[in-house]
Amino acid sequence: MLDIVANAPHAHALQRPLRMITGAAPRSPATIERLEELAGAPMRAYGLTEVYGPYTFIPSAVRHAG
C-alpha cells in the first residue's frame, strides 16, 4: 500500500506529518525517501503483525544509521 501511495501520479506533500507503520518485507529505499518527502518517515514493525499487534518498532533515525 505504501508503494502505491508513494508512486501515485497525484501524490503531493501533506501539510502535517502522517504516522505510518509498515511490516513484512522492507520497503525499498526509493519508496522510503519518497514517503519522507510527502508525509514523514514510516516506522517498521516486527512481530507476527498479521496475528496481533507489533512487538518491535524501529524509528526511521535507526534506519539511517545502518
PDB file of N, CA and C in Angstrom:
ATOM      1  N   MET A   1       0.814  -1.178   0.000  1.00  0.00           N
ATOM      2  CA  MET A   1       0.000   0.000   0.000  1.00  0.00           C
ATOM      3  C   MET A   1       0.869   1.258   0.000  1.00  0.00           C
ATOM      4  N   LEU A   2       1.951   1.244   0.791  1.00  0.00           N
ATOM      5  CA  LEU A   2       2.810   2.428   0.833  1.00  0.00           C
ATOM      6  C   LEU A   2       3.472   2.698  -0.511  1.00  0.00           C
ATOM      7  N   ASP A   3       3.785   1.631  -1.258  1.00  0.00           N
ATOM      8  CA  ASP A   3       4.354   1.807  -2.595  1.00  0.00           C
ATOM      9  C   ASP A   3       3.352   2.500  -3.513  1.00  0.00           C
ATOM     10  N   ILE A   4       2.095   2.122  -3.413  1.00  0.00           N
ATOM     11  CA  ILE A   4       1.047   2.737  -4.236  1.00  0.00           C
ATOM     12  C   ILE A   4       0.905   4.214  -3.898  1.00  0.00           C
ATOM     13  N   VAL A   5       0.881   4.536  -2.612  1.00  0.00           N
ATOM     14  CA  VAL A   5       0.750   5.940  -2.181  1.00  0.00           C
ATOM     15  C   VAL A   5       1.950   6.752  -2.661  1.00  0.00           C
ATOM     16  N   ALA A   6       3.153   6.222  -2.451  1.00  0.00           N
ATOM     17  CA  ALA A   6       4.368   6.955  -2.814  1.00  0.00           C
ATOM     18  C   ALA A   6       4.457   7.217  -4.314  1.00  0.00           C
ATOM     19  N   ASN A   7       3.960   6.294  -5.121  1.00  0.00           N
ATOM     20  CA  ASN A   7       4.114   6.404  -6.572  1.00  0.00           C
ATOM     21  C   ASN A   7       2.862   6.892  -7.294  1.00  0.00           C
ATOM     22  N   ALA A   8       1.856   7.293  -6.556  1.00  0.00           N
ATOM     23  CA  ALA A   8       0.628   7.783  -7.196  1.00  0.00           C
ATOM     24  C   ALA A   8       0.921   9.052  -7.999  1.00  0.00           C
ATOM     25  N   PRO A   9       0.380   9.176  -9.194  1.00  0.00           N
ATOM     26  CA  PRO A   9       0.651  10.354 -10.023  1.00  0.00           C
ATOM     27  C   PRO A   9       0.172  11.654  -9.377  1.00  0.00           C
ATOM     28  N   HIS A  10      -0.852  11.599  -8.559  1.00  0.00           N
ATOM     29  CA  HIS A  10      -1.394  12.807  -7.934  1.00  0.00           C
ATOM     30  C   HIS A  10      -0.912  12.994  -6.495  1.00  0.00           C
ATOM     31  N   ALA A  11       0.132  12.252  -6.080  1.00  0.00           N
ATOM     32  CA  ALA A  11       0.675  12.382  -4.725  1.00  0.00           C
ATOM     33  C   ALA A  11       1.270  13.775  -4.540  1.00  0.00           C
ATOM     34  N   HIS A  12       1.080  14.330  -3.359  1.00  0.00           N
ATOM     35  CA  HIS A  12       1.632  15.653  -3.049  1.00  0.00           C
ATOM     36  C   HIS A  12       1.972  15.713  -1.562  1.00  0.00           C
ATOM     37  N   ALA A  13       2.825  16.635  -1.183  1.00  0.00           N
ATOM     38  CA  ALA A  13       3.243  16.770   0.210  1.00  0.00           C
ATOM     39  C   ALA A  13       2.055  17.160   1.085  1.00  0.00           C
ATOM     40  N   LEU A  14       1.994  16.571   2.269  1.00  0.00           N
ATOM     41  CA  LEU A  14       0.939  16.892   3.214  1.00  0.00           C
ATOM     42  C   LEU A  14       1.355  18.074   4.080  1.00  0.00           C
ATOM     43  N   GLN A  15       0.374  18.771   4.633  1.00  0.00           N
ATOM     44  CA  GLN A  15       0.678  19.937   5.453  1.00  0.00           C
ATOM     45  C   GLN A  15       1.252  19.556   6.805  1.00  0.00           C
ATOM     46  N   ARG A  16       0.926  18.375   7.298  1.00  0.00           N
ATOM     47  CA  ARG A  16       1.479  17.914   8.576  1.00  0.00           C
ATOM     48  C   ARG A  16       1.879  16.453   8.428  1.00  0.00           C
ATOM     49  N   PRO A  17       2.819  15.990   9.269  1.00  0.00           N
ATOM     50  CA  PRO A  17       3.313  14.616   9.145  1.00  0.00           C
ATOM     51  C   PRO A  17       2.218  13.574   9.366  1.00  0.00           C
ATOM     52  N   LEU A  18       2.372  12.476   8.698  1.00  0.00           N
ATOM     53  CA  LEU A  18       1.459  11.348   8.810  1.00  0.00           C
ATOM     54  C   LEU A  18       2.214  10.204   9.476  1.00  0.00           C
ATOM     55  N   ARG A  19       1.592   9.536  10.437  1.00  0.00           N
ATOM     56  CA  ARG A  19       2.226   8.387  11.074  1.00  0.00           C
ATOM     57  C   ARG A  19       1.872   7.136  10.290  1.00  0.00           C
ATOM     58  N   MET A  20       2.898   6.442   9.836  1.00  0.00           N
ATOM     59  CA  MET A  20       2.716   5.240   9.037  1.00  0.00           C
ATOM     60  C   MET A  20       3.509   4.100   9.666  1.00  0.00           C
ATOM     61  N   ILE A  21       2.972   2.910   9.610  1.00  0.00           N
ATOM     62  CA  ILE A  21       3.672   1.722  10.091  1.00  0.00           C
ATOM     63  C   ILE A  21       3.679   0.713   8.958  1.00  0.00           C
ATOM     64  N   THR A  22       4.831   0.125   8.714  1.00  0.00           N
ATOM     65  CA  THR A  22       4.954  -0.889   7.688  1.00  0.00           C
ATOM     66  C   THR A  22       5.544  -2.154   8.302  1.00  0.00           C
ATOM     67  N   GLY A  23       5.130  -3.295   7.802  1.00  0.00           N
ATOM     68  CA  GLY A  23       5.636  -4.576   8.274  1.00  0.00           C
ATOM     69  C   GLY A  23       5.928  -5.468   7.095  1.00  0.00           C
ATOM     70  N   ALA A  24       6.239  -6.715   7.379  1.00  0.00           N
ATOM     71  CA  ALA A  24       6.571  -7.714   6.355  1.00  0.00           C
ATOM     72  C   ALA A  24       7.875  -7.334   5.673  1.00  0.00           C
ATOM     73  N   ALA A  25       7.938  -7.449   4.367  1.00  0.00           N
ATOM     74  CA  ALA A  25       9.177  -7.145   3.648  1.00  0.00           C
ATOM     75  C   ALA A  25       9.504  -5.659   3.744  1.00  0.00           C
ATOM     76  N   PRO A  26      10.786  -5.328   3.910  1.00  0.00           N
ATOM     77  CA  PRO A  26      11.172  -3.912   3.985  1.00  0.00           C
ATOM     78  C   PRO A  26      10.820  -3.175   2.699  1.00  0.00           C
ATOM     79  N   ARG A  27      10.464  -1.932   2.812  1.00  0.00           N
ATOM     80  CA  ARG A  27      10.188  -1.083   1.651  1.00  0.00           C
ATOM     81  C   ARG A  27      11.518  -0.720   0.988  1.00  0.00           C
ATOM     82  N   SER A  28      11.475  -0.406  -0.276  1.00  0.00           N
ATOM     83  CA  SER A  28      12.681  -0.019  -0.998  1.00  0.00           C
ATOM     84  C   SER A  28      13.148   1.357  -0.508  1.00  0.00           C
ATOM     85  N   PRO A  29      14.446   1.630  -0.579  1.00  0.00           N
ATOM     86  CA  PRO A  29      14.939   2.949  -0.179  1.00  0.00           C
ATOM     87  C   PRO A  29      14.270   4.082  -0.957  1.00  0.00           C
ATOM     88  N   ALA A  30      13.989   3.861  -2.238  1.00  0.00           N
ATOM     89  CA  ALA A  30      13.331   4.898  -3.042  1.00  0.00           C
ATOM     90  C   ALA A  30      11.929   5.201  -2.512  1.00  0.00           C
ATOM     91  N   THR A  31      11.188   4.170  -2.127  1.00  0.00           N
ATOM     92  CA  THR A  31       9.842   4.372  -1.579  1.00  0.00           C
ATOM     93  C   THR A  31       9.920   5.118  -0.252  1.00  0.00           C
ATOM     94  N   ILE A  32      10.851   4.732   0.612  1.00  0.00           N
ATOM     95  CA  ILE A  32      11.016   5.410   1.897  1.00  0.00           C
ATOM     96  C   ILE A  32      11.346   6.882   1.688  1.00  0.00           C
ATOM     97  N   GLU A  33      12.273   7.180   0.788  1.00  0.00           N
ATOM     98  CA  GLU A  33      12.650   8.568   0.514  1.00  0.00           C
ATOM     99  C   GLU A  33      11.464   9.371  -0.001  1.00  0.00           C
ATOM    100  N   ARG A  34      10.685   8.781  -0.892  1.00  0.00           N
ATOM    101  CA  ARG A  34       9.513   9.478  -1.439  1.00  0.00           C
ATOM    102  C   ARG A  34       8.483   9.741  -0.344  1.00  0.00           C
ATOM    103  N   LEU A  35       8.241   8.772   0.529  1.00  0.00           N
ATOM    104  CA  LEU A  35       7.293   8.963   1.629  1.00  0.00           C
ATOM    105  C   LEU A  35       7.773  10.042   2.592  1.00  0.00           C
ATOM    106  N   GLU A  36       9.080  10.118   2.826  1.00  0.00           N
ATOM    107  CA  GLU A  36       9.626  11.171   3.669  1.00  0.00           C
ATOM    108  C   GLU A  36       9.352  12.540   3.062  1.00  0.00           C
ATOM    109  N   GLU A  37       9.459  12.655   1.748  1.00  0.00           N
ATOM    110  CA  GLU A  37       9.171  13.915   1.060  1.00  0.00           C
ATOM    111  C   GLU A  37       7.695  14.289   1.182  1.00  0.00           C
ATOM    112  N   LEU A  38       6.828  13.293   1.098  1.00  0.00           N
ATOM    113  CA  LEU A  38       5.384  13.544   1.078  1.00  0.00           C
ATOM    114  C   LEU A  38       4.770  13.710   2.457  1.00  0.00           C
ATOM    115  N   ALA A  39       5.146  12.861   3.408  1.00  0.00           N
ATOM    116  CA  ALA A  39       4.344  12.802   4.634  1.00  0.00           C
ATOM    117  C   ALA A  39       5.109  12.478   5.908  1.00  0.00           C
ATOM    118  N   GLY A  40       6.374  12.175   5.826  1.00  0.00           N
ATOM    119  CA  GLY A  40       7.120  11.756   7.011  1.00  0.00           C
ATOM    120  C   GLY A  40       7.570  10.319   6.850  1.00  0.00           C
ATOM    121  N   ALA A  41       8.475   9.904   7.713  1.00  0.00           N
ATOM    122  CA  ALA A  41       9.071   8.577   7.585  1.00  0.00           C
ATOM    123  C   ALA A  41       8.208   7.502   8.228  1.00  0.00           C
ATOM    124  N   PRO A  42       7.984   6.395   7.532  1.00  0.00           N
ATOM    125  CA  PRO A  42       7.247   5.290   8.137  1.00  0.00           C
ATOM    126  C   PRO A  42       8.109   4.530   9.142  1.00  0.00           C
ATOM    127  N   MET A  43       7.480   3.968  10.163  1.00  0.00           N
ATOM    128  CA  MET A  43       8.179   3.118  11.115  1.00  0.00           C
ATOM    129  C   MET A  43       8.022   1.670  10.660  1.00  0.00           C
ATOM    130  N   ARG A  44       9.074   0.879  10.875  1.00  0.00           N
ATOM    131  CA  ARG A  44       8.984  -0.547  10.575  1.00  0.00           C
ATOM    132  C   ARG A  44       8.535  -1.269  11.839  1.00  0.00           C
ATOM    133  N   ALA A  45       7.673  -2.256  11.690  1.00  0.00           N
ATOM    134  CA  ALA A  45       7.178  -3.035  12.826  1.00  0.00           C
ATOM    135  C   ALA A  45       7.432  -4.510  12.567  1.00  0.00           C
ATOM    136  N   TYR A  46       7.799  -5.214  13.610  1.00  0.00           N
ATOM    137  CA  TYR A  46       8.080  -6.642  13.506  1.00  0.00           C
ATOM    138  C   TYR A  46       7.363  -7.390  14.616  1.00  0.00           C
ATOM    139  N   GLY A  47       7.014  -8.639  14.383  1.00  0.00           N
ATOM    140  CA  GLY A  47       6.457  -9.486  15.432  1.00  0.00           C
ATOM    141  C   GLY A  47       5.088 -10.048  15.133  1.00  0.00           C
ATOM    142  N   LEU A  48       4.958 -10.868  14.119  1.00  0.00           N
ATOM    143  CA  LEU A  48       3.674 -11.506  13.776  1.00  0.00           C
ATOM    144  C   LEU A  48       2.533 -10.494  13.680  1.00  0.00           C
ATOM    145  N   THR A  49       2.757  -9.424  12.971  1.00  0.00           N
ATOM    146  CA  THR A  49       1.760  -8.355  12.873  1.00  0.00           C
ATOM    147  C   THR A  49       0.445  -8.836  12.263  1.00  0.00           C
ATOM    148  N   GLU A  50       0.468  -9.960  11.529  1.00  0.00           N
ATOM    149  CA  GLU A  50      -0.781 -10.471  10.961  1.00  0.00           C
ATOM    150  C   GLU A  50      -1.647 -11.157  12.012  1.00  0.00           C
ATOM    151  N   VAL A  51      -1.086 -11.469  13.173  1.00  0.00           N
ATOM    152  CA  VAL A  51      -1.813 -12.182  14.219  1.00  0.00           C
ATOM    153  C   VAL A  51      -2.224 -11.253  15.363  1.00  0.00           C
ATOM    154  N   TYR A  52      -1.324 -10.371  15.757  1.00  0.00           N
ATOM    155  CA  TYR A  52      -1.586  -9.444  16.863  1.00  0.00           C
ATOM    156  C   TYR A  52      -0.720  -8.206  16.665  1.00  0.00           C
ATOM    157  N   GLY A  53      -0.789  -7.271  17.575  1.00  0.00           N
ATOM    158  CA  GLY A  53      -0.042  -6.017  17.452  1.00  0.00           C
ATOM    159  C   GLY A  53       1.465  -6.231  17.331  1.00  0.00           C
ATOM    160  N   PRO A  54       2.150  -5.301  16.714  1.00  0.00           N
ATOM    161  CA  PRO A  54       3.593  -5.437  16.528  1.00  0.00           C
ATOM    162  C   PRO A  54       4.333  -5.456  17.860  1.00  0.00           C
ATOM    163  N   TYR A  55       5.436  -6.124  17.867  1.00  0.00           N
ATOM    164  CA  TYR A  55       6.230  -6.283  19.074  1.00  0.00           C
ATOM    165  C   TYR A  55       7.386  -5.289  19.123  1.00  0.00           C
ATOM    166  N   THR A  56       7.990  -4.987  17.992  1.00  0.00           N
ATOM    167  CA  THR A  56       9.156  -4.106  17.942  1.00  0.00           C
ATOM    168  C   THR A  56       8.947  -3.032  16.885  1.00  0.00           C
ATOM    169  N   PHE A  57       9.238  -1.792  17.243  1.00  0.00           N
ATOM    170  CA  PHE A  57       9.218  -0.681  16.297  1.00  0.00           C
ATOM    171  C   PHE A  57      10.638  -0.201  16.066  1.00  0.00           C
ATOM    172  N   ILE A  58      10.955   0.165  14.836  1.00  0.00           N
ATOM    173  CA  ILE A  58      12.257   0.718  14.515  1.00  0.00           C
ATOM    174  C   ILE A  58      12.039   2.112  13.924  1.00  0.00           C
ATOM    175  N   PRO A  59      12.378   3.168  14.683  1.00  0.00           N
ATOM    176  CA  PRO A  59      12.203   4.531  14.175  1.00  0.00           C
ATOM    177  C   PRO A  59      13.068   4.779  12.948  1.00  0.00           C
ATOM    178  N   SER A  60      12.683   5.722  12.121  1.00  0.00           N
ATOM    179  CA  SER A  60      13.407   5.991  10.878  1.00  0.00           C
ATOM    180  C   SER A  60      14.849   6.425  11.129  1.00  0.00           C
ATOM    181  N   ALA A  61      15.153   7.076  12.256  1.00  0.00           N
ATOM    182  CA  ALA A  61      16.513   7.513  12.539  1.00  0.00           C
ATOM    183  C   ALA A  61      17.459   6.323  12.620  1.00  0.00           C
ATOM    184  N   VAL A  62      16.985   5.195  13.132  1.00  0.00           N
ATOM    185  CA  VAL A  62      17.818   3.996  13.234  1.00  0.00           C
ATOM    186  C   VAL A  62      18.093   3.449  11.846  1.00  0.00           C
ATOM    187  N   ARG A  63      17.105   3.505  10.973  1.00  0.00           N
ATOM    188  CA  ARG A  63      17.280   3.009   9.606  1.00  0.00           C
ATOM    189  C   ARG A  63      18.404   3.781   8.925  1.00  0.00           C
ATOM    190  N   HIS A  64      18.487   5.080   9.140  1.00  0.00           N
ATOM    191  CA  HIS A  64      19.525   5.883   8.505  1.00  0.00           C
ATOM    192  C   HIS A  64      20.909   5.598   9.074  1.00  0.00           C
ATOM    193  N   ALA A  65      20.966   5.097  10.306  1.00  0.00           N
ATOM    194  CA  ALA A  65      22.250   4.803  10.936  1.00  0.00           C
ATOM    195  C   ALA A  65      22.866   3.512  10.404  1.00  0.00           C
ATOM    196  N   GLY A  66      22.061   2.699   9.712  1.00  0.00           N
ATOM    197  CA  GLY A  66      22.587   1.456   9.144  1.00  0.00           C
ATOM    198  C   GLY A  66      22.132   0.322   9.908  1.00  0.00           C
TER     199      GLY A  66
END
